[in-house]
Amino acid sequence: MTKTQHGTRLVLLTSLTIAIEMLGLPQPFTGPLVNMMLVLTTLVLGPLSGALLGIITPLVAVLRGQLPAILLPMVPFIILANAILVFIFGLSRRFLDGSRSPLRSVSSWLGLVFGALCKFLFLYVSVLMIIPLLLGKTFPPPVIAAMALPQFVTAIIGGILALVIFDLMQRAGIAFPKNHFQE
């Protein structure tokens, strides 16, 4: 894949992700869809592109007003959590059995579950311990709860959607299964 093709696909996937966020759907819909785009971008273009998209998504959420003001200190942690998800998923695909269809690949499923678990744990520890240590203030229980199990669930649902969509793309000849981890 040329740099131009890669850049064009990244712009397209980023635009789709921003469009999803701009719809203003409730978090139970937006969360899985954004995670779907993170994993799909990782499948199509590689983990670095997935991580770049993961930088943009919380910033758009802030600009859009979807991220409550109380969670503004969490933005860098959300960015890191997105990177954790896509790099764990991407590396599991690359080093275990990246040549197989992701939907039928044990490494894809292991990478997705482990990446989602690490994302959730990182966000939970951040909201519960790291931010209070750095800022000297604790978050209310509903905010802590929002950064807990729902993060795991939305990452899993989004990842499953991405695996199904990517499989459909491969069947339609849209994705390039041998080139998507060139980064």
C-alpha atoms as a PDB file:
ATOM      1  CA  MET A   1       0.000   0.000   0.000  1.00  0.00           C
ATOM      2  CA  THR A   2       1.414   3.393  -0.945  1.00  0.00           C
ATOM      3  CA  LYS A   3       1.674   6.285   1.502  1.00  0.00           C
ATOM      4  CA  THR A   4      -1.034   8.075  -0.449  1.00  0.00           C
ATOM      5  CA  GLN A   5      -3.397   5.097  -0.178  1.00  0.00           C
ATOM      6  CA  HIS A   6      -2.605   4.758   3.511  1.00  0.00           C
ATOM      7  CA  GLY A   7      -3.190   8.472   4.130  1.00  0.00           C
ATOM      8  CA  THR A   8      -6.411   8.472   2.155  1.00  0.00           C
ATOM      9  CA  ARG A   9      -7.764   5.501   4.113  1.00  0.00           C
ATOM     10  CA  LEU A  10      -6.765   7.082   7.406  1.00  0.00           C
ATOM     11  CA  VAL A  11      -8.572  10.296   6.473  1.00  0.00           C
ATOM     12  CA  LEU A  12     -11.660   8.304   5.436  1.00  0.00           C
ATOM     13  CA  LEU A  13     -11.716   6.245   8.647  1.00  0.00           C
ATOM     14  CA  THR A  14     -11.091   9.355  10.751  1.00  0.00           C
ATOM     15  CA  SER A  15     -13.919  11.183   8.963  1.00  0.00           C
ATOM     16  CA  LEU A  16     -16.298   8.291   9.561  1.00  0.00           C
ATOM     17  CA  THR A  17     -15.346   8.228  13.229  1.00  0.00           C
ATOM     18  CA  ILE A  18     -15.876  11.963  13.631  1.00  0.00           C
ATOM     19  CA  ALA A  19     -19.240  11.639  11.856  1.00  0.00           C
ATOM     20  CA  ILE A  20     -20.242   8.914  14.334  1.00  0.00           C
ATOM     21  CA  GLU A  21     -19.290  11.160  17.245  1.00  0.00           C
ATOM     22  CA  MET A  22     -21.090  14.152  15.729  1.00  0.00           C
ATOM     23  CA  LEU A  23     -24.361  12.208  15.569  1.00  0.00           C
ATOM     24  CA  GLY A  24     -24.666  12.842  19.284  1.00  0.00           C
ATOM     25  CA  LEU A  25     -25.953   9.383  20.100  1.00  0.00           C
ATOM     26  CA  PRO A  26     -26.037   8.327  23.758  1.00  0.00           C
ATOM     27  CA  GLN A  27     -22.807   6.850  25.135  1.00  0.00           C
ATOM     28  CA  PRO A  28     -24.093   3.229  25.014  1.00  0.00           C
ATOM     29  CA  PHE A  29     -24.155   3.617  21.207  1.00  0.00           C
ATOM     30  CA  THR A  30     -21.272   6.036  20.637  1.00  0.00           C
ATOM     31  CA  GLY A  31     -18.807   4.105  22.828  1.00  0.00           C
ATOM     32  CA  PRO A  32     -19.036   0.796  20.941  1.00  0.00           C
ATOM     33  CA  LEU A  33     -19.044   2.565  17.564  1.00  0.00           C
ATOM     34  CA  VAL A  34     -15.906   4.565  18.375  1.00  0.00           C
ATOM     35  CA  ASN A  35     -14.182   1.424  19.661  1.00  0.00           C
ATOM     36  CA  MET A  36     -15.283  -0.325  16.472  1.00  0.00           C
ATOM     37  CA  MET A  37     -13.550   2.357  14.423  1.00  0.00           C
ATOM     38  CA  LEU A  38     -10.376   2.087  16.532  1.00  0.00           C
ATOM     39  CA  VAL A  39     -10.168  -1.675  15.973  1.00  0.00           C
ATOM     40  CA  LEU A  40     -11.241  -1.441  12.321  1.00  0.00           C
ATOM     41  CA  THR A  41      -8.569   1.194  11.649  1.00  0.00           C
ATOM     42  CA  THR A  42      -6.033  -1.084  13.320  1.00  0.00           C
ATOM     43  CA  LEU A  43      -7.106  -3.977  11.105  1.00  0.00           C
ATOM     44  CA  VAL A  44      -7.025  -1.932   7.901  1.00  0.00           C
ATOM     45  CA  LEU A  45      -3.990   0.282   8.517  1.00  0.00           C
ATOM     46  CA  GLY A  46      -2.157  -1.020  11.582  1.00  0.00           C
ATOM     47  CA  PRO A  47      -1.827  -0.157  15.263  1.00  0.00           C
ATOM     48  CA  LEU A  48      -0.086   3.186  14.782  1.00  0.00           C
ATOM     49  CA  SER A  49      -3.002   4.487  12.702  1.00  0.00           C
ATOM     50  CA  GLY A  50      -5.444   3.082  15.261  1.00  0.00           C
ATOM     51  CA  ALA A  51      -3.570   4.930  18.006  1.00  0.00           C
ATOM     52  CA  LEU A  52      -3.588   8.172  15.981  1.00  0.00           C
ATOM     53  CA  LEU A  53      -7.346   7.867  15.646  1.00  0.00           C
ATOM     54  CA  GLY A  54      -7.491   7.188  19.387  1.00  0.00           C
ATOM     55  CA  ILE A  55      -5.942  10.597  20.020  1.00  0.00           C
ATOM     56  CA  ILE A  56      -8.636  12.350  18.012  1.00  0.00           C
ATOM     57  CA  THR A  57     -11.708  10.638  19.463  1.00  0.00           C
ATOM     58  CA  PRO A  58     -11.595  12.028  23.027  1.00  0.00           C
ATOM     59  CA  LEU A  59     -10.725  15.484  21.694  1.00  0.00           C
ATOM     60  CA  VAL A  60     -13.800  15.420  19.461  1.00  0.00           C
ATOM     61  CA  ALA A  61     -15.863  14.207  22.433  1.00  0.00           C
ATOM     62  CA  VAL A  62     -14.657  17.231  24.425  1.00  0.00           C
ATOM     63  CA  LEU A  63     -15.407  19.661  21.580  1.00  0.00           C
ATOM     64  CA  ARG A  64     -18.782  18.031  20.974  1.00  0.00           C
ATOM     65  CA  GLY A  65     -19.681  18.259  24.671  1.00  0.00           C
ATOM     66  CA  GLN A  66     -20.102  14.496  25.007  1.00  0.00           C
ATOM     67  CA  LEU A  67     -17.397  14.290  27.642  1.00  0.00           C
ATOM     68  CA  PRO A  68     -18.586  15.990  30.845  1.00  0.00           C
ATOM     69  CA  ALA A  69     -16.355  18.790  32.099  1.00  0.00           C
ATOM     70  CA  ILE A  70     -15.535  16.811  35.227  1.00  0.00           C
ATOM     71  CA  LEU A  71     -13.794  14.238  32.996  1.00  0.00           C
ATOM     72  CA  LEU A  72     -11.490  16.715  31.224  1.00  0.00           C
ATOM     73  CA  PRO A  73      -8.498  15.572  33.330  1.00  0.00           C
ATOM     74  CA  MET A  74      -9.131  12.062  31.989  1.00  0.00           C
ATOM     75  CA  VAL A  75      -8.496  13.009  28.326  1.00  0.00           C
ATOM     76  CA  PRO A  76      -4.782  12.049  28.309  1.00  0.00           C
ATOM     77  CA  PHE A  77      -5.674   8.795  30.073  1.00  0.00           C
ATOM     78  CA  ILE A  78      -8.424   8.035  27.555  1.00  0.00           C
ATOM     79  CA  ILE A  79      -5.918   8.629  24.752  1.00  0.00           C
ATOM     80  CA  LEU A  80      -3.466   6.216  26.389  1.00  0.00           C
ATOM     81  CA  ALA A  81      -6.245   3.687  27.013  1.00  0.00           C
ATOM     82  CA  ASN A  82      -7.186   3.789  23.318  1.00  0.00           C
ATOM     83  CA  ALA A  83      -3.527   3.213  22.424  1.00  0.00           C
ATOM     84  CA  ILE A  84      -3.367   0.280  24.851  1.00  0.00           C
ATOM     85  CA  LEU A  85      -6.392  -1.311  23.179  1.00  0.00           C
ATOM     86  CA  VAL A  86      -5.153  -0.952  19.604  1.00  0.00           C
ATOM     87  CA  PHE A  87      -1.527  -1.885  20.273  1.00  0.00           C
ATOM     88  CA  ILE A  88      -2.409  -5.014  22.241  1.00  0.00           C
ATOM     89  CA  PHE A  89      -4.927  -6.015  19.591  1.00  0.00           C
ATOM     90  CA  GLY A  90      -2.589  -5.154  16.722  1.00  0.00           C
ATOM     91  CA  LEU A  91       0.431  -6.891  18.212  1.00  0.00           C
ATOM     92  CA  SER A  92      -1.549 -10.038  18.953  1.00  0.00           C
ATOM     93  CA  ARG A  93      -2.614 -10.146  15.311  1.00  0.00           C
ATOM     94  CA  ARG A  94       0.871  -9.465  14.021  1.00  0.00           C
ATOM     95  CA  PHE A  95       2.857 -11.858  16.150  1.00  0.00           C
ATOM     96  CA  LEU A  96       0.443 -14.724  16.588  1.00  0.00           C
ATOM     97  CA  ASP A  97      -1.402 -15.408  13.349  1.00  0.00           C
ATOM     98  CA  GLY A  98      -1.884 -12.141  11.477  1.00  0.00           C
ATOM     99  CA  SER A  99      -2.273 -13.897   8.139  1.00  0.00           C
ATOM    100  CA  ARG A 100      -5.586 -15.512   9.065  1.00  0.00           C
ATOM    101  CA  SER A 101      -8.968 -13.868   8.820  1.00  0.00           C
ATOM    102  CA  PRO A 102      -9.396 -11.864  12.047  1.00  0.00           C
ATOM    103  CA  LEU A 103     -12.924 -13.153  12.585  1.00  0.00           C
ATOM    104  CA  ARG A 104     -11.653 -16.742  12.632  1.00  0.00           C
ATOM    105  CA  SER A 105      -8.380 -16.022  14.412  1.00  0.00           C
ATOM    106  CA  VAL A 106      -7.839 -17.014  18.031  1.00  0.00           C
ATOM    107  CA  SER A 107      -5.200 -14.288  18.335  1.00  0.00           C
ATOM    108  CA  SER A 108      -7.721 -11.641  17.271  1.00  0.00           C
ATOM    109  CA  TRP A 109     -10.138 -12.705  19.959  1.00  0.00           C
ATOM    110  CA  LEU A 110      -7.412 -12.982  22.596  1.00  0.00           C
ATOM    111  CA  GLY A 111      -5.996  -9.602  21.585  1.00  0.00           C
ATOM    112  CA  LEU A 112      -9.441  -8.024  21.674  1.00  0.00           C
ATOM    113  CA  VAL A 113     -10.335  -9.399  25.105  1.00  0.00           C
ATOM    114  CA  PHE A 114      -6.909  -8.676  26.610  1.00  0.00           C
ATOM    115  CA  GLY A 115      -6.758  -5.213  25.004  1.00  0.00           C
ATOM    116  CA  ALA A 116     -10.265  -4.350  26.249  1.00  0.00           C
ATOM    117  CA  LEU A 117      -9.406  -5.638  29.715  1.00  0.00           C
ATOM    118  CA  CYS A 118      -6.198  -3.584  29.846  1.00  0.00           C
ATOM    119  CA  LYS A 119      -8.037  -0.490  28.570  1.00  0.00           C
ATOM    120  CA  PHE A 120     -10.681  -0.872  31.260  1.00  0.00           C
ATOM    121  CA  LEU A 121      -8.127  -1.519  34.030  1.00  0.00           C
ATOM    122  CA  PHE A 122      -5.990   1.455  32.982  1.00  0.00           C
ATOM    123  CA  LEU A 123      -8.984   3.824  32.949  1.00  0.00           C
ATOM    124  CA  TYR A 124     -10.333   2.476  36.237  1.00  0.00           C
ATOM    125  CA  VAL A 125      -6.993   2.806  38.027  1.00  0.00           C
ATOM    126  CA  SER A 126      -6.531   6.265  36.498  1.00  0.00           C
ATOM    127  CA  VAL A 127      -9.894   7.591  37.679  1.00  0.00           C
ATOM    128  CA  LEU A 128      -9.705   5.856  41.051  1.00  0.00           C
ATOM    129  CA  MET A 129      -6.061   6.467  42.004  1.00  0.00           C
ATOM    130  CA  ILE A 130      -3.822   8.328  39.534  1.00  0.00           C
ATOM    131  CA  ILE A 131      -5.925  11.462  38.923  1.00  0.00           C
ATOM    132  CA  PRO A 132      -6.764  11.849  42.637  1.00  0.00           C
ATOM    133  CA  LEU A 133      -3.050  11.509  43.427  1.00  0.00           C
ATOM    134  CA  LEU A 134      -2.063  14.063  40.766  1.00  0.00           C
ATOM    135  CA  LEU A 135      -4.870  16.566  41.316  1.00  0.00           C
ATOM    136  CA  GLY A 136      -5.713  15.970  44.954  1.00  0.00           C
ATOM    137  CA  LYS A 137      -9.397  15.454  44.262  1.00  0.00           C
ATOM    138  CA  THR A 138     -11.545  12.374  43.910  1.00  0.00           C
ATOM    139  CA  PHE A 139     -14.257  11.768  41.387  1.00  0.00           C
ATOM    140  CA  PRO A 140     -17.864  11.104  42.379  1.00  0.00           C
ATOM    141  CA  PRO A 141     -18.948   7.428  42.292  1.00  0.00           C
ATOM    142  CA  PRO A 142     -20.985   7.803  39.047  1.00  0.00           C
ATOM    143  CA  VAL A 143     -17.898   9.146  37.236  1.00  0.00           C
ATOM    144  CA  ILE A 144     -15.772   6.308  38.590  1.00  0.00           C
ATOM    145  CA  ALA A 145     -18.451   3.838  37.489  1.00  0.00           C
ATOM    146  CA  ALA A 146     -18.442   5.310  33.959  1.00  0.00           C
ATOM    147  CA  MET A 147     -14.697   4.622  33.695  1.00  0.00           C
ATOM    148  CA  ALA A 148     -15.076   1.048  34.922  1.00  0.00           C
ATOM    149  CA  LEU A 149     -16.901  -1.958  33.457  1.00  0.00           C
ATOM    150  CA  PRO A 150     -18.712   0.014  30.712  1.00  0.00           C
ATOM    151  CA  GLN A 151     -15.299   0.679  29.156  1.00  0.00           C
ATOM    152  CA  PHE A 152     -14.643  -3.058  28.878  1.00  0.00           C
ATOM    153  CA  VAL A 153     -18.105  -3.746  27.472  1.00  0.00           C
ATOM    154  CA  THR A 154     -17.970  -0.978  24.848  1.00  0.00           C
ATOM    155  CA  ALA A 155     -14.485  -2.083  23.741  1.00  0.00           C
ATOM    156  CA  ILE A 156     -15.622  -5.710  23.366  1.00  0.00           C
ATOM    157  CA  ILE A 157     -18.810  -4.810  21.483  1.00  0.00           C
ATOM    158  CA  GLY A 158     -16.925  -2.397  19.233  1.00  0.00           C
ATOM    159  CA  GLY A 159     -14.198  -4.972  18.599  1.00  0.00           C
ATOM    160  CA  ILE A 160     -16.707  -7.648  17.636  1.00  0.00           C
ATOM    161  CA  LEU A 161     -18.395  -5.240  15.228  1.00  0.00           C
ATOM    162  CA  ALA A 162     -14.996  -4.379  13.722  1.00  0.00           C
ATOM    163  CA  LEU A 163     -14.080  -8.046  13.235  1.00  0.00           C
ATOM    164  CA  VAL A 164     -17.384  -8.738  11.481  1.00  0.00           C
ATOM    165  CA  ILE A 165     -17.117  -5.635   9.278  1.00  0.00           C
ATOM    166  CA  PHE A 166     -13.506  -6.382   8.376  1.00  0.00           C
ATOM    167  CA  ASP A 167     -14.452  -9.952   7.468  1.00  0.00           C
ATOM    168  CA  LEU A 168     -17.178  -8.584   5.192  1.00  0.00           C
ATOM    169  CA  MET A 169     -14.663  -6.142   3.685  1.00  0.00           C
ATOM    170  CA  GLN A 170     -12.252  -8.989   2.968  1.00  0.00           C
ATOM    171  CA  ARG A 171     -14.991 -11.050   1.323  1.00  0.00           C
ATOM    172  CA  ALA A 172     -15.929  -8.063  -0.826  1.00  0.00           C
ATOM    173  CA  GLY A 173     -12.274  -7.496  -1.750  1.00  0.00           C
ATOM    174  CA  ILE A 174     -12.164  -4.076  -0.080  1.00  0.00           C
ATOM    175  CA  ALA A 175      -9.508  -4.821   2.575  1.00  0.00           C
ATOM    176  CA  PHE A 176      -5.965  -5.903   1.908  1.00  0.00           C
ATOM    177  CA  PRO A 177      -5.310  -8.633   4.454  1.00  0.00           C
ATOM    178  CA  LYS A 178      -1.590  -9.019   3.727  1.00  0.00           C
ATOM    179  CA  ASN A 179      -0.763  -5.306   3.869  1.00  0.00           C
ATOM    180  CA  HIS A 180      -2.643  -3.985   6.879  1.00  0.00           C
ATOM    181  CA  PHE A 181       0.246  -4.298   9.357  1.00  0.00           C
ATOM    182  CA  GLN A 182       2.991  -2.556   7.416  1.00  0.00           C
ATOM    183  CA  GLU A 183       3.543   0.108  10.090  1.00  0.00           C
END
